[in-house]
PDB file of N, CA and C in Angstrom:
ATOM      1  N   UNK A   1     -33.645 -14.640 -16.941  1.00  0.00           N
ATOM      2  CA  UNK A   1     -31.763 -14.626 -17.196  1.00  0.00           C
ATOM      3  C   UNK A   1     -31.562 -13.181 -17.111  1.00  0.00           C
ATOM      4  N   UNK A   2     -32.303 -12.451 -16.944  1.00  0.00           N
ATOM      5  CA  UNK A   2     -32.049 -10.764 -16.680  1.00  0.00           C
ATOM      6  C   UNK A   2     -31.455 -10.829 -15.107  1.00  0.00           C
ATOM      7  N   UNK A   3     -32.148 -11.601 -14.016  1.00  0.00           N
ATOM      8  CA  UNK A   3     -31.696 -11.474 -12.766  1.00  0.00           C
ATOM      9  C   UNK A   3     -30.107 -11.994 -12.668  1.00  0.00           C
ATOM     10  N   UNK A   4     -29.962 -13.221 -13.618  1.00  0.00           N
ATOM     11  CA  UNK A   4     -28.666 -13.786 -13.291  1.00  0.00           C
ATOM     12  C   UNK A   4     -27.302 -12.830 -13.956  1.00  0.00           C
ATOM     13  N   UNK A   5     -28.032 -12.158 -14.844  1.00  0.00           N
ATOM     14  CA  UNK A   5     -26.870 -11.168 -15.568  1.00  0.00           C
ATOM     15  C   UNK A   5     -26.805  -9.735 -14.470  1.00  0.00           C
ATOM     16  N   UNK A   6     -27.951  -9.642 -13.967  1.00  0.00           N
ATOM     17  CA  UNK A   6     -27.707  -8.420 -12.849  1.00  0.00           C
ATOM     18  C   UNK A   6     -26.876  -8.754 -11.830  1.00  0.00           C
ATOM     19  N   UNK A   7     -26.868 -10.020 -11.383  1.00  0.00           N
ATOM     20  CA  UNK A   7     -26.371 -10.570 -10.405  1.00  0.00           C
ATOM     21  C   UNK A   7     -24.956 -10.691 -10.630  1.00  0.00           C
ATOM     22  N   UNK A   8     -24.524 -10.967 -11.602  1.00  0.00           N
ATOM     23  CA  UNK A   8     -22.920 -11.042 -12.231  1.00  0.00           C
ATOM     24  C   UNK A   8     -22.170  -9.769 -12.381  1.00  0.00           C
ATOM     25  N   UNK A   9     -23.264  -8.815 -12.780  1.00  0.00           N
ATOM     26  CA  UNK A   9     -22.924  -7.172 -12.970  1.00  0.00           C
ATOM     27  C   UNK A   9     -22.723  -6.653 -11.716  1.00  0.00           C
ATOM     28  N   UNK A  10     -23.392  -6.873 -10.806  1.00  0.00           N
ATOM     29  CA  UNK A  10     -23.335  -6.510  -9.270  1.00  0.00           C
ATOM     30  C   UNK A  10     -22.071  -7.129  -8.430  1.00  0.00           C
ATOM     31  N   UNK A  11     -21.836  -8.399  -8.773  1.00  0.00           N
ATOM     32  CA  UNK A  11     -20.696  -9.197  -8.170  1.00  0.00           C
ATOM     33  C   UNK A  11     -19.500  -8.568  -8.475  1.00  0.00           C
ATOM     34  N   UNK A  12     -19.539  -8.331 -10.090  1.00  0.00           N
ATOM     35  CA  UNK A  12     -18.208  -7.775 -10.642  1.00  0.00           C
ATOM     36  C   UNK A  12     -18.054  -6.120 -10.049  1.00  0.00           C
ATOM     37  N   UNK A  13     -19.156  -5.472 -10.014  1.00  0.00           N
ATOM     38  CA  UNK A  13     -18.675  -4.131  -9.367  1.00  0.00           C
ATOM     39  C   UNK A  13     -18.358  -4.174  -8.209  1.00  0.00           C
ATOM     40  N   UNK A  14     -18.728  -5.061  -7.344  1.00  0.00           N
ATOM     41  CA  UNK A  14     -18.391  -5.096  -5.832  1.00  0.00           C
ATOM     42  C   UNK A  14     -16.894  -5.521  -5.777  1.00  0.00           C
ATOM     43  N   UNK A  15     -16.519  -6.400  -6.999  1.00  0.00           N
ATOM     44  CA  UNK A  15     -15.269  -6.851  -6.563  1.00  0.00           C
ATOM     45  C   UNK A  15     -14.096  -5.883  -7.087  1.00  0.00           C
ATOM     46  N   UNK A  16     -14.753  -4.792  -8.130  1.00  0.00           N
ATOM     47  CA  UNK A  16     -13.930  -3.796  -8.154  1.00  0.00           C
ATOM     48  C   UNK A  16     -13.809  -2.648  -7.326  1.00  0.00           C
ATOM     49  N   UNK A  17     -14.929  -2.788  -6.662  1.00  0.00           N
ATOM     50  CA  UNK A  17     -15.017  -1.607  -5.303  1.00  0.00           C
ATOM     51  C   UNK A  17     -14.013  -2.306  -4.313  1.00  0.00           C
ATOM     52  N   UNK A  18     -13.832  -3.276  -3.947  1.00  0.00           N
ATOM     53  CA  UNK A  18     -12.927  -3.988  -2.988  1.00  0.00           C
ATOM     54  C   UNK A  18     -11.391  -3.924  -3.444  1.00  0.00           C
ATOM     55  N   UNK A  19     -11.115  -4.288  -4.600  1.00  0.00           N
ATOM     56  CA  UNK A  19      -9.854  -4.062  -5.178  1.00  0.00           C
ATOM     57  C   UNK A  19      -9.401  -2.667  -5.257  1.00  0.00           C
ATOM     58  N   UNK A  20     -10.278  -1.693  -5.768  1.00  0.00           N
ATOM     59  CA  UNK A  20      -9.703  -0.415  -5.850  1.00  0.00           C
ATOM     60  C   UNK A  20      -9.597   0.233  -4.532  1.00  0.00           C
ATOM     61  N   UNK A  21     -10.504  -0.194  -3.353  1.00  0.00           N
ATOM     62  CA  UNK A  21     -10.291   0.312  -2.053  1.00  0.00           C
ATOM     63  C   UNK A  21      -8.896  -0.073  -1.447  1.00  0.00           C
ATOM     64  N   UNK A  22      -8.282  -1.005  -1.944  1.00  0.00           N
ATOM     65  CA  UNK A  22      -6.984  -1.299  -1.289  1.00  0.00           C
ATOM     66  C   UNK A  22      -5.841  -0.778  -2.142  1.00  0.00           C
ATOM     67  N   UNK A  23      -5.584   0.667  -2.358  1.00  0.00           N
ATOM     68  CA  UNK A  23      -4.808   0.983  -3.027  1.00  0.00           C
ATOM     69  C   UNK A  23      -3.696   1.502  -2.018  1.00  0.00           C
ATOM     70  N   UNK A  24      -2.368   1.764  -2.599  1.00  0.00           N
ATOM     71  CA  UNK A  24      -1.273   2.446  -2.088  1.00  0.00           C
ATOM     72  C   UNK A  24      -1.392   3.865  -2.401  1.00  0.00           C
ATOM     73  N   UNK A  25      -0.456   4.835  -1.953  1.00  0.00           N
ATOM     74  CA  UNK A  25      -0.103   5.957  -2.082  1.00  0.00           C
ATOM     75  C   UNK A  25       0.190   6.413  -3.692  1.00  0.00           C
ATOM     76  N   UNK A  26      -0.125   5.672  -4.554  1.00  0.00           N
ATOM     77  CA  UNK A  26       0.525   5.933  -6.038  1.00  0.00           C
ATOM     78  C   UNK A  26      -0.139   6.803  -6.678  1.00  0.00           C
ATOM     79  N   UNK A  27      -1.330   7.355  -6.262  1.00  0.00           N
ATOM     80  CA  UNK A  27      -1.694   8.214  -6.908  1.00  0.00           C
ATOM     81  C   UNK A  27      -1.262   9.693  -6.944  1.00  0.00           C
ATOM     82  N   UNK A  28      -1.843  10.644  -7.535  1.00  0.00           N
ATOM     83  CA  UNK A  28      -1.325  12.347  -7.371  1.00  0.00           C
ATOM     84  C   UNK A  28      -2.454  12.929  -6.498  1.00  0.00           C
ATOM     85  N   UNK A  29      -1.990  13.901  -5.891  1.00  0.00           N
ATOM     86  CA  UNK A  29      -2.441  14.557  -5.056  1.00  0.00           C
ATOM     87  C   UNK A  29      -3.219  15.813  -6.335  1.00  0.00           C
ATOM     88  N   UNK A  30      -4.464  16.164  -5.931  1.00  0.00           N
ATOM     89  CA  UNK A  30      -5.040  16.966  -6.733  1.00  0.00           C
ATOM     90  C   UNK A  30      -5.159  18.651  -6.369  1.00  0.00           C
ATOM     91  N   UNK A  31      -4.581  18.910  -5.072  1.00  0.00           N
ATOM     92  CA  UNK A  31      -3.979  20.062  -4.727  1.00  0.00           C
ATOM     93  C   UNK A  31      -2.475  20.113  -4.619  1.00  0.00           C
ATOM     94  N   UNK A  32      -2.132  21.448  -3.979  1.00  0.00           N
ATOM     95  CA  UNK A  32      -0.898  21.832  -3.986  1.00  0.00           C
ATOM     96  C   UNK A  32      -0.555  21.589  -2.377  1.00  0.00           C
ATOM     97  N   UNK A  33      -0.017  20.158  -2.146  1.00  0.00           N
ATOM     98  CA  UNK A  33       0.388  19.554  -1.019  1.00  0.00           C
ATOM     99  C   UNK A  33       1.331  20.181  -0.310  1.00  0.00           C
ATOM    100  N   UNK A  34       2.207  21.179  -0.963  1.00  0.00           N
ATOM    101  CA  UNK A  34       3.253  21.736  -0.096  1.00  0.00           C
ATOM    102  C   UNK A  34       2.820  22.876   0.593  1.00  0.00           C
ATOM    103  N   UNK A  35       1.649  23.098   0.572  1.00  0.00           N
ATOM    104  CA  UNK A  35       0.800  24.151   1.710  1.00  0.00           C
ATOM    105  C   UNK A  35       0.464  23.489   2.867  1.00  0.00           C
ATOM    106  N   UNK A  36       0.696  22.309   3.077  1.00  0.00           N
ATOM    107  CA  UNK A  36       0.356  21.609   4.222  1.00  0.00           C
ATOM    108  C   UNK A  36       1.065  21.472   5.185  1.00  0.00           C
ATOM    109  N   UNK A  37       1.116  22.320   6.263  1.00  0.00           N
ATOM    110  CA  UNK A  37       2.038  22.309   7.274  1.00  0.00           C
ATOM    111  C   UNK A  37       1.791  22.447   8.673  1.00  0.00           C
ATOM    112  N   UNK A  38       2.403  21.986   9.537  1.00  0.00           N
ATOM    113  CA  UNK A  38       1.784  22.354  10.876  1.00  0.00           C
ATOM    114  C   UNK A  38       1.863  23.723  11.384  1.00  0.00           C
ATOM    115  N   UNK A  39       0.985  24.143  12.091  1.00  0.00           N
ATOM    116  CA  UNK A  39       0.947  25.665  12.552  1.00  0.00           C
ATOM    117  C   UNK A  39      -0.003  26.407  11.338  1.00  0.00           C
ATOM    118  N   UNK A  40      -0.467  25.828  10.417  1.00  0.00           N
ATOM    119  CA  UNK A  40      -1.535  26.362   9.532  1.00  0.00           C
ATOM    120  C   UNK A  40      -2.667  25.555   9.804  1.00  0.00           C
ATOM    121  N   UNK A  41      -3.761  25.917   9.108  1.00  0.00           N
ATOM    122  CA  UNK A  41      -4.731  25.065   9.267  1.00  0.00           C
ATOM    123  C   UNK A  41      -4.743  24.032   7.831  1.00  0.00           C
ATOM    124  N   UNK A  42      -3.910  22.960   8.099  1.00  0.00           N
ATOM    125  CA  UNK A  42      -3.713  22.094   6.788  1.00  0.00           C
ATOM    126  C   UNK A  42      -4.814  21.317   6.553  1.00  0.00           C
ATOM    127  N   UNK A  43      -5.826  21.523   7.569  1.00  0.00           N
ATOM    128  CA  UNK A  43      -7.159  20.618   7.181  1.00  0.00           C
ATOM    129  C   UNK A  43      -7.985  21.440   6.264  1.00  0.00           C
ATOM    130  N   UNK A  44      -7.891  22.963   5.910  1.00  0.00           N
ATOM    131  CA  UNK A  44      -8.484  23.583   5.164  1.00  0.00           C
ATOM    132  C   UNK A  44      -8.853  23.064   3.504  1.00  0.00           C
ATOM    133  N   UNK A  45      -7.327  22.832   3.065  1.00  0.00           N
ATOM    134  CA  UNK A  45      -7.229  22.345   1.753  1.00  0.00           C
ATOM    135  C   UNK A  45      -7.922  20.895   1.590  1.00  0.00           C
ATOM    136  N   UNK A  46      -7.856  20.144   2.661  1.00  0.00           N
ATOM    137  CA  UNK A  46      -8.508  18.982   2.574  1.00  0.00           C
ATOM    138  C   UNK A  46      -9.807  18.636   2.676  1.00  0.00           C
ATOM    139  N   UNK A  47     -10.512  19.954   2.998  1.00  0.00           N
ATOM    140  CA  UNK A  47     -12.012  19.559   3.354  1.00  0.00           C
ATOM    141  C   UNK A  47     -12.877  19.106   2.098  1.00  0.00           C
ATOM    142  N   UNK A  48     -12.645  19.482   0.880  1.00  0.00           N
ATOM    143  CA  UNK A  48     -13.280  19.309  -0.100  1.00  0.00           C
ATOM    144  C   UNK A  48     -12.703  18.134  -1.063  1.00  0.00           C
ATOM    145  N   UNK A  49     -11.916  17.419  -0.556  1.00  0.00           N
ATOM    146  CA  UNK A  49     -11.665  16.276  -0.883  1.00  0.00           C
ATOM    147  C   UNK A  49     -12.107  14.916  -0.247  1.00  0.00           C
ATOM    148  N   UNK A  50     -12.226  13.970  -1.361  1.00  0.00           N
ATOM    149  CA  UNK A  50     -12.812  12.574  -0.727  1.00  0.00           C
ATOM    150  C   UNK A  50     -11.299  12.167   0.405  1.00  0.00           C
ATOM    151  N   UNK A  51     -11.790  11.258   0.919  1.00  0.00           N
ATOM    152  CA  UNK A  51     -10.863  10.408   1.767  1.00  0.00           C
ATOM    153  C   UNK A  51      -9.809   9.937   1.218  1.00  0.00           C
ATOM    154  N   UNK A  52      -9.566   9.144   0.225  1.00  0.00           N
ATOM    155  CA  UNK A  52      -8.840   8.642  -0.550  1.00  0.00           C
ATOM    156  C   UNK A  52      -7.975   9.801  -1.202  1.00  0.00           C
ATOM    157  N   UNK A  53      -8.337  10.729  -1.720  1.00  0.00           N
ATOM    158  CA  UNK A  53      -7.538  11.910  -1.952  1.00  0.00           C
ATOM    159  C   UNK A  53      -7.036  12.681  -1.078  1.00  0.00           C
ATOM    160  N   UNK A  54      -7.585  12.689  -0.023  1.00  0.00           N
ATOM    161  CA  UNK A  54      -6.944  13.467   1.201  1.00  0.00           C
ATOM    162  C   UNK A  54      -5.924  12.465   1.727  1.00  0.00           C
ATOM    163  N   UNK A  55      -5.956  11.164   1.916  1.00  0.00           N
ATOM    164  CA  UNK A  55      -4.913  10.493   2.082  1.00  0.00           C
ATOM    165  C   UNK A  55      -3.435  10.648   1.258  1.00  0.00           C
ATOM    166  N   UNK A  56      -3.999  10.594  -0.279  1.00  0.00           N
ATOM    167  CA  UNK A  56      -2.964  10.485  -0.752  1.00  0.00           C
ATOM    168  C   UNK A  56      -2.061  11.931  -0.793  1.00  0.00           C
ATOM    169  N   UNK A  57      -2.893  12.851  -0.339  1.00  0.00           N
ATOM    170  CA  UNK A  57      -1.982  14.324  -0.214  1.00  0.00           C
ATOM    171  C   UNK A  57      -1.316  14.340   0.788  1.00  0.00           C
ATOM    172  N   UNK A  58      -1.883  13.889   1.933  1.00  0.00           N
ATOM    173  CA  UNK A  58      -1.154  13.922   3.190  1.00  0.00           C
ATOM    174  C   UNK A  58      -0.271  12.904   3.198  1.00  0.00           C
ATOM    175  N   UNK A  59      -0.222  11.775   2.709  1.00  0.00           N
ATOM    176  CA  UNK A  59       0.731  10.998   2.667  1.00  0.00           C
ATOM    177  C   UNK A  59       2.232  11.721   1.592  1.00  0.00           C
ATOM    178  N   UNK A  60       1.630  12.112   0.987  1.00  0.00           N
ATOM    179  CA  UNK A  60       2.678  12.907  -0.062  1.00  0.00           C
ATOM    180  C   UNK A  60       3.516  14.249   0.784  1.00  0.00           C
ATOM    181  N   UNK A  61       2.672  14.969   1.583  1.00  0.00           N
ATOM    182  CA  UNK A  61       3.340  15.983   2.713  1.00  0.00           C
ATOM    183  C   UNK A  61       4.069  15.119   3.668  1.00  0.00           C
ATOM    184  N   UNK A  62       3.495  14.170   4.278  1.00  0.00           N
ATOM    185  CA  UNK A  62       4.507  13.410   5.318  1.00  0.00           C
ATOM    186  C   UNK A  62       5.533  13.033   4.682  1.00  0.00           C
ATOM    187  N   UNK A  63       5.903  12.467   3.493  1.00  0.00           N
ATOM    188  CA  UNK A  63       6.980  11.594   2.875  1.00  0.00           C
ATOM    189  C   UNK A  63       7.855  12.760   2.541  1.00  0.00           C
ATOM    190  N   UNK A  64       7.459  13.959   2.014  1.00  0.00           N
ATOM    191  CA  UNK A  64       8.245  15.049   1.809  1.00  0.00           C
ATOM    192  C   UNK A  64       8.491  15.938   2.963  1.00  0.00           C
ATOM    193  N   UNK A  65       8.275  15.273   4.218  1.00  0.00           N
ATOM    194  CA  UNK A  65       8.497  16.004   5.858  1.00  0.00           C
ATOM    195  C   UNK A  65       8.009  17.530   5.776  1.00  0.00           C
ATOM    196  N   UNK A  66       7.021  17.534   4.890  1.00  0.00           N
ATOM    197  CA  UNK A  66       6.513  19.063   5.117  1.00  0.00           C
ATOM    198  C   UNK A  66       5.795  19.586   6.461  1.00  0.00           C
ATOM    199  N   UNK A  67       5.644  18.431   7.021  1.00  0.00           N
ATOM    200  CA  UNK A  67       4.871  18.703   8.459  1.00  0.00           C
ATOM    201  C   UNK A  67       5.719  18.821   9.583  1.00  0.00           C
ATOM    202  N   UNK A  68       7.177  18.581   9.238  1.00  0.00           N
ATOM    203  CA  UNK A  68       8.066  18.702  10.426  1.00  0.00           C
ATOM    204  C   UNK A  68       8.066  17.735  11.434  1.00  0.00           C
ATOM    205  N   UNK A  69       7.575  16.463  11.045  1.00  0.00           N
ATOM    206  CA  UNK A  69       7.793  15.398  11.943  1.00  0.00           C
ATOM    207  C   UNK A  69       8.324  14.040  11.320  1.00  0.00           C
ATOM    208  N   UNK A  70       8.936  13.111  12.069  1.00  0.00           N
ATOM    209  CA  UNK A  70       9.197  11.958  11.558  1.00  0.00           C
ATOM    210  C   UNK A  70       8.612  10.885  12.449  1.00  0.00           C
ATOM    211  N   UNK A  71       7.637  10.230  11.884  1.00  0.00           N
ATOM    212  CA  UNK A  71       7.002   9.169  12.634  1.00  0.00           C
ATOM    213  C   UNK A  71       6.938   7.907  11.426  1.00  0.00           C
ATOM    214  N   UNK A  72       6.056   7.018  12.120  1.00  0.00           N
ATOM    215  CA  UNK A  72       5.602   6.006  11.165  1.00  0.00           C
ATOM    216  C   UNK A  72       4.662   6.643  10.287  1.00  0.00           C
ATOM    217  N   UNK A  73       4.830   6.592   8.917  1.00  0.00           N
ATOM    218  CA  UNK A  73       4.140   7.268   8.029  1.00  0.00           C
ATOM    219  C   UNK A  73       2.633   6.946   8.041  1.00  0.00           C
ATOM    220  N   UNK A  74       2.113   5.813   8.104  1.00  0.00           N
ATOM    221  CA  UNK A  74       0.798   5.258   8.424  1.00  0.00           C
ATOM    222  C   UNK A  74      -0.004   5.730   9.749  1.00  0.00           C
ATOM    223  N   UNK A  75       0.699   5.642  10.667  1.00  0.00           N
ATOM    224  CA  UNK A  75       0.229   6.023  12.148  1.00  0.00           C
ATOM    225  C   UNK A  75      -0.224   7.860  12.013  1.00  0.00           C
ATOM    226  N   UNK A  76       0.910   8.478  11.430  1.00  0.00           N
ATOM    227  CA  UNK A  76       0.914   9.853  11.477  1.00  0.00           C
ATOM    228  C   UNK A  76      -0.169  10.057  10.180  1.00  0.00           C
ATOM    229  N   UNK A  77      -0.454   9.407   9.251  1.00  0.00           N
ATOM    230  CA  UNK A  77      -1.454   9.623   8.123  1.00  0.00           C
ATOM    231  C   UNK A  77      -2.811   9.330   9.118  1.00  0.00           C
ATOM    232  N   UNK A  78      -2.968   8.413   9.493  1.00  0.00           N
ATOM    233  CA  UNK A  78      -4.093   8.281  10.034  1.00  0.00           C
ATOM    234  C   UNK A  78      -4.798   9.367  11.343  1.00  0.00           C
ATOM    235  N   UNK A  79      -3.581   9.749  12.097  1.00  0.00           N
ATOM    236  CA  UNK A  79      -3.880  10.765  13.003  1.00  0.00           C
ATOM    237  C   UNK A  79      -4.021  12.006  12.483  1.00  0.00           C
ATOM    238  N   UNK A  80      -3.798  12.325  11.754  1.00  0.00           N
ATOM    239  CA  UNK A  80      -3.888  13.705  10.709  1.00  0.00           C
ATOM    240  C   UNK A  80      -5.170  13.683  10.035  1.00  0.00           C
ATOM    241  N   UNK A  81      -5.289  12.749   9.230  1.00  0.00           N
ATOM    242  CA  UNK A  81      -6.836  12.411   8.801  1.00  0.00           C
ATOM    243  C   UNK A  81      -7.913  12.597   9.747  1.00  0.00           C
ATOM    244  N   UNK A  82      -7.969  11.735  10.895  1.00  0.00           N
ATOM    245  CA  UNK A  82      -8.959  11.695  11.855  1.00  0.00           C
ATOM    246  C   UNK A  82      -8.895  13.605  12.178  1.00  0.00           C
ATOM    247  N   UNK A  83      -7.828  13.984  12.530  1.00  0.00           N
ATOM    248  CA  UNK A  83      -8.046  15.487  12.764  1.00  0.00           C
ATOM    249  C   UNK A  83      -8.861  16.291  11.911  1.00  0.00           C
ATOM    250  N   UNK A  84      -8.688  15.869  10.897  1.00  0.00           N
ATOM    251  CA  UNK A  84      -9.495  16.558   9.559  1.00  0.00           C
ATOM    252  C   UNK A  84     -10.687  16.175   9.371  1.00  0.00           C
ATOM    253  N   UNK A  85     -11.195  15.080  10.322  1.00  0.00           N
ATOM    254  CA  UNK A  85     -12.535  14.857   9.930  1.00  0.00           C
ATOM    255  C   UNK A  85     -12.602  13.664   8.708  1.00  0.00           C
ATOM    256  N   UNK A  86     -11.504  13.114   8.169  1.00  0.00           N
ATOM    257  CA  UNK A  86     -11.529  12.281   7.231  1.00  0.00           C
ATOM    258  C   UNK A  86     -11.157  10.564   7.918  1.00  0.00           C
ATOM    259  N   UNK A  87     -11.485   9.797   6.896  1.00  0.00           N
ATOM    260  CA  UNK A  87     -11.276   8.613   7.331  1.00  0.00           C
ATOM    261  C   UNK A  87     -10.075   7.703   6.474  1.00  0.00           C
ATOM    262  N   UNK A  88      -9.218   7.005   7.347  1.00  0.00           N
ATOM    263  CA  UNK A  88      -8.058   6.300   6.392  1.00  0.00           C
ATOM    264  C   UNK A  88      -8.606   5.341   5.763  1.00  0.00           C
ATOM    265  N   UNK A  89      -8.789   5.340   4.233  1.00  0.00           N
ATOM    266  CA  UNK A  89      -9.265   4.139   3.614  1.00  0.00           C
ATOM    267  C   UNK A  89      -8.919   2.891   3.921  1.00  0.00           C
ATOM    268  N   UNK A  90      -9.631   1.935   3.937  1.00  0.00           N
ATOM    269  CA  UNK A  90      -9.228   0.291   4.424  1.00  0.00           C
ATOM    270  C   UNK A  90      -8.234   0.151   3.495  1.00  0.00           C
ATOM    271  N   UNK A  91      -6.907  -0.499   3.742  1.00  0.00           N
ATOM    272  CA  UNK A  91      -6.163  -1.266   3.028  1.00  0.00           C
ATOM    273  C   UNK A  91      -5.059  -0.087   2.442  1.00  0.00           C
ATOM    274  N   UNK A  92      -5.036   1.155   2.454  1.00  0.00           N
ATOM    275  CA  UNK A  92      -4.285   2.394   2.208  1.00  0.00           C
ATOM    276  C   UNK A  92      -2.730   2.185   3.220  1.00  0.00           C
ATOM    277  N   UNK A  93      -1.947   2.069   2.072  1.00  0.00           N
ATOM    278  CA  UNK A  93      -0.669   2.206   2.860  1.00  0.00           C
ATOM    279  C   UNK A  93       0.221   3.548   2.170  1.00  0.00           C
ATOM    280  N   UNK A  94       0.673   4.217   3.216  1.00  0.00           N
ATOM    281  CA  UNK A  94       1.739   5.255   2.532  1.00  0.00           C
ATOM    282  C   UNK A  94       3.091   4.810   2.565  1.00  0.00           C
ATOM    283  N   UNK A  95       3.595   4.577   1.539  1.00  0.00           N
ATOM    284  CA  UNK A  95       5.149   4.131   1.601  1.00  0.00           C
ATOM    285  C   UNK A  95       5.677   4.919   0.366  1.00  0.00           C
TER     286      UNK A  95
END
């Protein structure tokens, strides 16, 4: 019975991971994203953040047009994250 309970627990945890990896930019940025501007090293403040946190912060900066560009938010977000060595989380949508 213990192995069945472990299997069910593992399955539920996997479902939670899948569900929470498909989030949109509704979270809050843990840094002052207003400091993320082109012409400065915008990657430095993101270096200590997890990919999802970095995506949320960059999405907020792009929506506020702090980086001075008007592009498709999701394309720009992917480019900026890649430039900073971060990965756009699967299913993340900046809107």
